[in-house]
C-alpha cells in the first residue's frame, strides 16, 4: 500500500511539479532579461543627461 501511494505521489509530482518548476524558471529568466533591457535602454537613452534635460532638448528641436 505504501509503495502504491509513493508511486501515485511520484507520478503527481512528475506531472504537476516539473511544469510548475519550468514555468517558474521561465518567469525568472523573463524578468531578469526585462530588467537588464530597461537598464541598458536607460543608459543608452540619456547619456548622462537627466530626463528633464532630455525633454527640454527635444522641445527646443521642434
PDB file of N, CA and C in Angstrom:
ATOM      1  N   UNK A   1       0.821  -1.199   0.000  1.00  0.00           N
ATOM      2  CA  UNK A   1       0.000   0.000   0.000  1.00  0.00           C
ATOM      3  C   UNK A   1       0.866   1.265   0.000  1.00  0.00           C
ATOM      4  N   UNK A   2       1.940   1.246   0.789  1.00  0.00           N
ATOM      5  CA  UNK A   2       2.830   2.404   0.862  1.00  0.00           C
ATOM      6  C   UNK A   2       3.516   2.622  -0.483  1.00  0.00           C
ATOM      7  N   UNK A   3       3.936   1.538  -1.118  1.00  0.00           N
ATOM      8  CA  UNK A   3       4.568   1.660  -2.435  1.00  0.00           C
ATOM      9  C   UNK A   3       3.595   2.229  -3.461  1.00  0.00           C
ATOM     10  N   UNK A   4       2.342   1.820  -3.362  1.00  0.00           N
ATOM     11  CA  UNK A   4       1.318   2.328  -4.273  1.00  0.00           C
ATOM     12  C   UNK A   4       1.134   3.832  -4.086  1.00  0.00           C
ATOM     13  N   UNK A   5       1.047   4.281  -2.827  1.00  0.00           N
ATOM     14  CA  UNK A   5       0.890   5.716  -2.549  1.00  0.00           C
ATOM     15  C   UNK A   5       2.121   6.498  -2.995  1.00  0.00           C
ATOM     16  N   UNK A   6       3.295   5.938  -2.763  1.00  0.00           N
ATOM     17  CA  UNK A   6       4.525   6.605  -3.195  1.00  0.00           C
ATOM     18  C   UNK A   6       4.571   6.748  -4.710  1.00  0.00           C
ATOM     19  N   UNK A   7       4.126   5.723  -5.407  1.00  0.00           N
ATOM     20  CA  UNK A   7       4.132   5.805  -6.870  1.00  0.00           C
ATOM     21  C   UNK A   7       3.116   6.832  -7.362  1.00  0.00           C
ATOM     22  N   UNK A   8       1.959   6.920  -6.710  1.00  0.00           N
ATOM     23  CA  UNK A   8       0.956   7.925  -7.104  1.00  0.00           C
ATOM     24  C   UNK A   8       1.490   9.329  -6.846  1.00  0.00           C
ATOM     25  N   UNK A   9       2.080   9.551  -5.659  1.00  0.00           N
ATOM     26  CA  UNK A   9       2.629  10.876  -5.352  1.00  0.00           C
ATOM     27  C   UNK A   9       3.788  11.223  -6.281  1.00  0.00           C
ATOM     28  N   UNK A  10       4.603  10.243  -6.610  1.00  0.00           N
ATOM     29  CA  UNK A  10       5.696  10.471  -7.555  1.00  0.00           C
ATOM     30  C   UNK A  10       5.181  10.843  -8.929  1.00  0.00           C
ATOM     31  N   UNK A  11       4.124  10.177  -9.357  1.00  0.00           N
ATOM     32  CA  UNK A  11       3.521  10.478 -10.654  1.00  0.00           C
ATOM     33  C   UNK A  11       2.910  11.874 -10.653  1.00  0.00           C
ATOM     34  N   UNK A  12       2.198  12.223  -9.576  1.00  0.00           N
ATOM     35  CA  UNK A  12       1.604  13.563  -9.481  1.00  0.00           C
ATOM     36  C   UNK A  12       2.682  14.640  -9.460  1.00  0.00           C
ATOM     37  N   UNK A  13       3.763  14.385  -8.736  1.00  0.00           N
ATOM     38  CA  UNK A  13       4.860  15.352  -8.707  1.00  0.00           C
ATOM     39  C   UNK A  13       5.466  15.507 -10.094  1.00  0.00           C
ATOM     40  N   UNK A  14       5.608  14.403 -10.802  1.00  0.00           N
ATOM     41  CA  UNK A  14       6.160  14.465 -12.156  1.00  0.00           C
ATOM     42  C   UNK A  14       5.254  15.203 -13.114  1.00  0.00           C
ATOM     43  N   UNK A  15       3.948  15.024 -12.967  1.00  0.00           N
ATOM     44  CA  UNK A  15       3.003  15.665 -13.881  1.00  0.00           C
ATOM     45  C   UNK A  15       2.751  17.127 -13.535  1.00  0.00           C
ATOM     46  N   UNK A  16       2.814  17.462 -12.250  1.00  0.00           N
ATOM     47  CA  UNK A  16       2.479  18.830 -11.818  1.00  0.00           C
ATOM     48  C   UNK A  16       3.722  19.611 -11.400  1.00  0.00           C
ATOM     49  N   UNK A  17       4.615  18.982 -10.668  1.00  0.00           N
ATOM     50  CA  UNK A  17       5.762  19.685 -10.097  1.00  0.00           C
ATOM     51  C   UNK A  17       6.762  20.178 -11.122  1.00  0.00           C
ATOM     52  N   UNK A  18       7.065  19.356 -12.101  1.00  0.00           N
ATOM     53  CA  UNK A  18       8.059  19.733 -13.110  1.00  0.00           C
ATOM     54  C   UNK A  18       7.560  20.877 -13.991  1.00  0.00           C
ATOM     55  N   UNK A  19       6.310  20.841 -14.496  1.00  0.00           N
ATOM     56  CA  UNK A  19       5.833  22.005 -15.268  1.00  0.00           C
ATOM     57  C   UNK A  19       5.788  23.295 -14.452  1.00  0.00           C
ATOM     58  N   UNK A  20       5.409  23.197 -13.176  1.00  0.00           N
ATOM     59  CA  UNK A  20       5.407  24.397 -12.327  1.00  0.00           C
ATOM     60  C   UNK A  20       6.825  24.929 -12.181  1.00  0.00           C
ATOM     61  N   UNK A  21       7.796  24.039 -11.999  1.00  0.00           N
ATOM     62  CA  UNK A  21       9.194  24.451 -11.896  1.00  0.00           C
ATOM     63  C   UNK A  21       9.662  25.114 -13.188  1.00  0.00           C
ATOM     64  N   UNK A  22       9.286  24.543 -14.332  1.00  0.00           N
ATOM     65  CA  UNK A  22       9.684  25.131 -15.614  1.00  0.00           C
ATOM     66  C   UNK A  22       9.053  26.507 -15.812  1.00  0.00           C
ATOM     67  N   UNK A  23       7.782  26.657 -15.442  1.00  0.00           N
ATOM     68  CA  UNK A  23       7.122  27.963 -15.548  1.00  0.00           C
ATOM     69  C   UNK A  23       7.825  28.974 -14.656  1.00  0.00           C
ATOM     70  N   UNK A  24       8.195  28.568 -13.437  1.00  0.00           N
ATOM     71  CA  UNK A  24       8.907  29.451 -12.515  1.00  0.00           C
ATOM     72  C   UNK A  24      10.246  29.887 -13.112  1.00  0.00           C
ATOM     73  N   UNK A  25      10.980  28.960 -13.695  1.00  0.00           N
ATOM     74  CA  UNK A  25      12.279  29.284 -14.302  1.00  0.00           C
ATOM     75  C   UNK A  25      12.094  30.254 -15.466  1.00  0.00           C
ATOM     76  N   UNK A  26      11.079  30.034 -16.296  1.00  0.00           N
ATOM     77  CA  UNK A  26      10.825  30.923 -17.434  1.00  0.00           C
ATOM     78  C   UNK A  26      10.474  32.324 -16.954  1.00  0.00           C
ATOM     79  N   UNK A  27       9.660  32.434 -15.901  1.00  0.00           N
ATOM     80  CA  UNK A  27       9.296  33.751 -15.360  1.00  0.00           C
ATOM     81  C   UNK A  27      10.525  34.466 -14.825  1.00  0.00           C
ATOM     82  N   UNK A  28      11.390  33.756 -14.122  1.00  0.00           N
ATOM     83  CA  UNK A  28      12.606  34.374 -13.577  1.00  0.00           C
ATOM     84  C   UNK A  28      13.510  34.850 -14.710  1.00  0.00           C
ATOM     85  N   UNK A  29      13.701  34.030 -15.730  1.00  0.00           N
ATOM     86  CA  UNK A  29      14.549  34.418 -16.864  1.00  0.00           C
ATOM     87  C   UNK A  29      13.968  35.633 -17.573  1.00  0.00           C
ATOM     88  N   UNK A  30      12.648  35.649 -17.785  1.00  0.00           N
ATOM     89  CA  UNK A  30      11.991  36.775 -18.452  1.00  0.00           C
ATOM     90  C   UNK A  30      12.152  38.062 -17.651  1.00  0.00           C
ATOM     91  N   UNK A  31      11.985  37.986 -16.321  1.00  0.00           N
ATOM     92  CA  UNK A  31      12.103  39.197 -15.505  1.00  0.00           C
ATOM     93  C   UNK A  31      13.538  39.711 -15.479  1.00  0.00           C
ATOM     94  N   UNK A  32      14.518  38.819 -15.447  1.00  0.00           N
ATOM     95  CA  UNK A  32      15.922  39.243 -15.456  1.00  0.00           C
ATOM     96  C   UNK A  32      16.262  39.896 -16.790  1.00  0.00           C
ATOM     97  N   UNK A  33      15.810  39.301 -17.900  1.00  0.00           N
ATOM     98  CA  UNK A  33      16.075  39.892 -19.213  1.00  0.00           C
ATOM     99  C   UNK A  33      15.419  41.262 -19.333  1.00  0.00           C
ATOM    100  N   UNK A  34      14.216  41.392 -18.799  1.00  0.00           N
ATOM    101  CA  UNK A  34      13.491  42.664 -18.879  1.00  0.00           C
ATOM    102  C   UNK A  34      14.195  43.753 -18.068  1.00  0.00           C
ATOM    103  N   UNK A  35      14.668  43.404 -16.861  1.00  0.00           N
ATOM    104  CA  UNK A  35      15.349  44.404 -16.040  1.00  0.00           C
ATOM    105  C   UNK A  35      16.677  44.815 -16.673  1.00  0.00           C
ATOM    106  N   UNK A  36      17.398  43.868 -17.268  1.00  0.00           N
ATOM    107  CA  UNK A  36      18.653  44.218 -17.943  1.00  0.00           C
ATOM    108  C   UNK A  36      18.393  45.096 -19.159  1.00  0.00           C
ATOM    109  N   UNK A  37      17.321  44.806 -19.881  1.00  0.00           N
ATOM    110  CA  UNK A  37      16.981  45.596 -21.061  1.00  0.00           C
ATOM    111  C   UNK A  37      16.619  47.023 -20.659  1.00  0.00           C
ATOM    112  N   UNK A  38      15.847  47.175 -19.569  1.00  0.00           N
ATOM    113  CA  UNK A  38      15.493  48.516 -19.088  1.00  0.00           C
ATOM    114  C   UNK A  38      16.748  49.289 -18.697  1.00  0.00           C
ATOM    115  N   UNK A  39      17.641  48.637 -17.968  1.00  0.00           N
ATOM    116  CA  UNK A  39      18.864  49.296 -17.521  1.00  0.00           C
ATOM    117  C   UNK A  39      19.709  49.712 -18.718  1.00  0.00           C
ATOM    118  N   UNK A  40      19.792  48.842 -19.726  1.00  0.00           N
ATOM    119  CA  UNK A  40      20.584  49.136 -20.920  1.00  0.00           C
ATOM    120  C   UNK A  40      19.961  50.283 -21.705  1.00  0.00           C
ATOM    121  N   UNK A  41      18.624  50.272 -21.861  1.00  0.00           N
ATOM    122  CA  UNK A  41      17.949  51.342 -22.591  1.00  0.00           C
ATOM    123  C   UNK A  41      18.116  52.673 -21.873  1.00  0.00           C
ATOM    124  N   UNK A  42      18.044  52.647 -20.543  1.00  0.00           N
ATOM    125  CA  UNK A  42      18.173  53.881 -19.776  1.00  0.00           C
ATOM    126  C   UNK A  42      19.562  54.476 -19.968  1.00  0.00           C
ATOM    127  N   UNK A  43      20.589  53.642 -19.939  1.00  0.00           N
ATOM    128  CA  UNK A  43      21.949  54.161 -20.101  1.00  0.00           C
ATOM    129  C   UNK A  43      22.198  54.633 -21.527  1.00  0.00           C
ATOM    130  N   UNK A  44      21.579  53.986 -22.518  1.00  0.00           N
ATOM    131  CA  UNK A  44      21.776  54.406 -23.905  1.00  0.00           C
ATOM    132  C   UNK A  44      20.984  55.662 -24.233  1.00  0.00           C
ATOM    133  N   UNK A  45      19.800  55.810 -23.652  1.00  0.00           N
ATOM    134  CA  UNK A  45      18.934  56.937 -23.992  1.00  0.00           C
ATOM    135  C   UNK A  45      19.437  58.260 -23.428  1.00  0.00           C
ATOM    136  N   UNK A  46      19.814  58.255 -22.163  1.00  0.00           N
ATOM    137  CA  UNK A  46      20.065  59.548 -21.515  1.00  0.00           C
ATOM    138  C   UNK A  46      21.509  60.021 -21.684  1.00  0.00           C
ATOM    139  N   UNK A  47      22.457  59.148 -21.803  1.00  0.00           N
ATOM    140  CA  UNK A  47      23.870  59.522 -21.966  1.00  0.00           C
ATOM    141  C   UNK A  47      24.299  60.570 -20.933  1.00  0.00           C
ATOM    142  N   UNK A  48      23.919  60.335 -19.694  1.00  0.00           N
ATOM    143  CA  UNK A  48      24.340  61.232 -18.631  1.00  0.00           C
ATOM    144  C   UNK A  48      23.431  62.420 -18.417  1.00  0.00           C
ATOM    145  N   UNK A  49      22.441  62.634 -19.264  1.00  0.00           N
ATOM    146  CA  UNK A  49      21.513  63.745 -19.083  1.00  0.00           C
ATOM    147  C   UNK A  49      20.340  63.287 -18.239  1.00  0.00           C
ATOM    148  N   UNK A  50      19.812  64.209 -17.454  1.00  0.00           N
ATOM    149  CA  UNK A  50      18.617  63.881 -16.687  1.00  0.00           C
ATOM    150  C   UNK A  50      17.418  63.867 -17.628  1.00  0.00           C
ATOM    151  N   UNK A  51      16.325  63.211 -17.252  1.00  0.00           N
ATOM    152  CA  UNK A  51      15.140  63.183 -18.114  1.00  0.00           C
ATOM    153  C   UNK A  51      14.601  64.577 -18.420  1.00  0.00           C
ATOM    154  N   UNK A  52      14.730  65.507 -17.481  1.00  0.00           N
ATOM    155  CA  UNK A  52      14.239  66.873 -17.703  1.00  0.00           C
ATOM    156  C   UNK A  52      15.044  67.531 -18.818  1.00  0.00           C
ATOM    157  N   UNK A  53      16.370  67.371 -18.787  1.00  0.00           N
ATOM    158  CA  UNK A  53      17.215  67.945 -19.839  1.00  0.00           C
ATOM    159  C   UNK A  53      16.873  67.338 -21.194  1.00  0.00           C
ATOM    160  N   UNK A  54      16.601  66.064 -21.209  1.00  0.00           N
ATOM    161  CA  UNK A  54      16.273  65.381 -22.458  1.00  0.00           C
ATOM    162  C   UNK A  54      14.963  65.929 -23.036  1.00  0.00           C
ATOM    163  N   UNK A  55      13.957  66.129 -22.188  1.00  0.00           N
ATOM    164  CA  UNK A  55      12.665  66.650 -22.644  1.00  0.00           C
ATOM    165  C   UNK A  55      12.822  68.084 -23.138  1.00  0.00           C
ATOM    166  N   UNK A  56      13.566  68.913 -22.394  1.00  0.00           N
ATOM    167  CA  UNK A  56      13.762  70.307 -22.804  1.00  0.00           C
ATOM    168  C   UNK A  56      14.501  70.375 -24.138  1.00  0.00           C
ATOM    169  N   UNK A  57      15.474  69.507 -24.317  1.00  0.00           N
ATOM    170  CA  UNK A  57      16.241  69.487 -25.557  1.00  0.00           C
ATOM    171  C   UNK A  57      15.343  69.114 -26.739  1.00  0.00           C
ATOM    172  N   UNK A  58      14.442  68.136 -26.539  1.00  0.00           N
ATOM    173  CA  UNK A  58      13.555  67.721 -27.625  1.00  0.00           C
ATOM    174  C   UNK A  58      12.536  68.813 -27.945  1.00  0.00           C
ATOM    175  N   UNK A  59      12.117  69.605 -26.956  1.00  0.00           N
ATOM    176  CA  UNK A  59      11.182  70.711 -27.206  1.00  0.00           C
ATOM    177  C   UNK A  59      11.870  71.823 -28.002  1.00  0.00           C
ATOM    178  N   UNK A  60      13.146  72.075 -27.720  1.00  0.00           N
ATOM    179  CA  UNK A  60      13.887  73.110 -28.449  1.00  0.00           C
ATOM    180  C   UNK A  60      14.092  72.708 -29.907  1.00  0.00           C
ATOM    181  N   UNK A  61      14.273  71.412 -30.158  1.00  0.00           N
ATOM    182  CA  UNK A  61      14.484  70.930 -31.524  1.00  0.00           C
ATOM    183  C   UNK A  61      13.240  71.110 -32.388  1.00  0.00           C
ATOM    184  N   UNK A  62      12.068  71.098 -31.780  1.00  0.00           N
ATOM    185  CA  UNK A  62      10.818  71.251 -32.541  1.00  0.00           C
ATOM    186  C   UNK A  62      10.647  72.671 -32.898  1.00  0.00           C
TER     187      UNK A  62
END
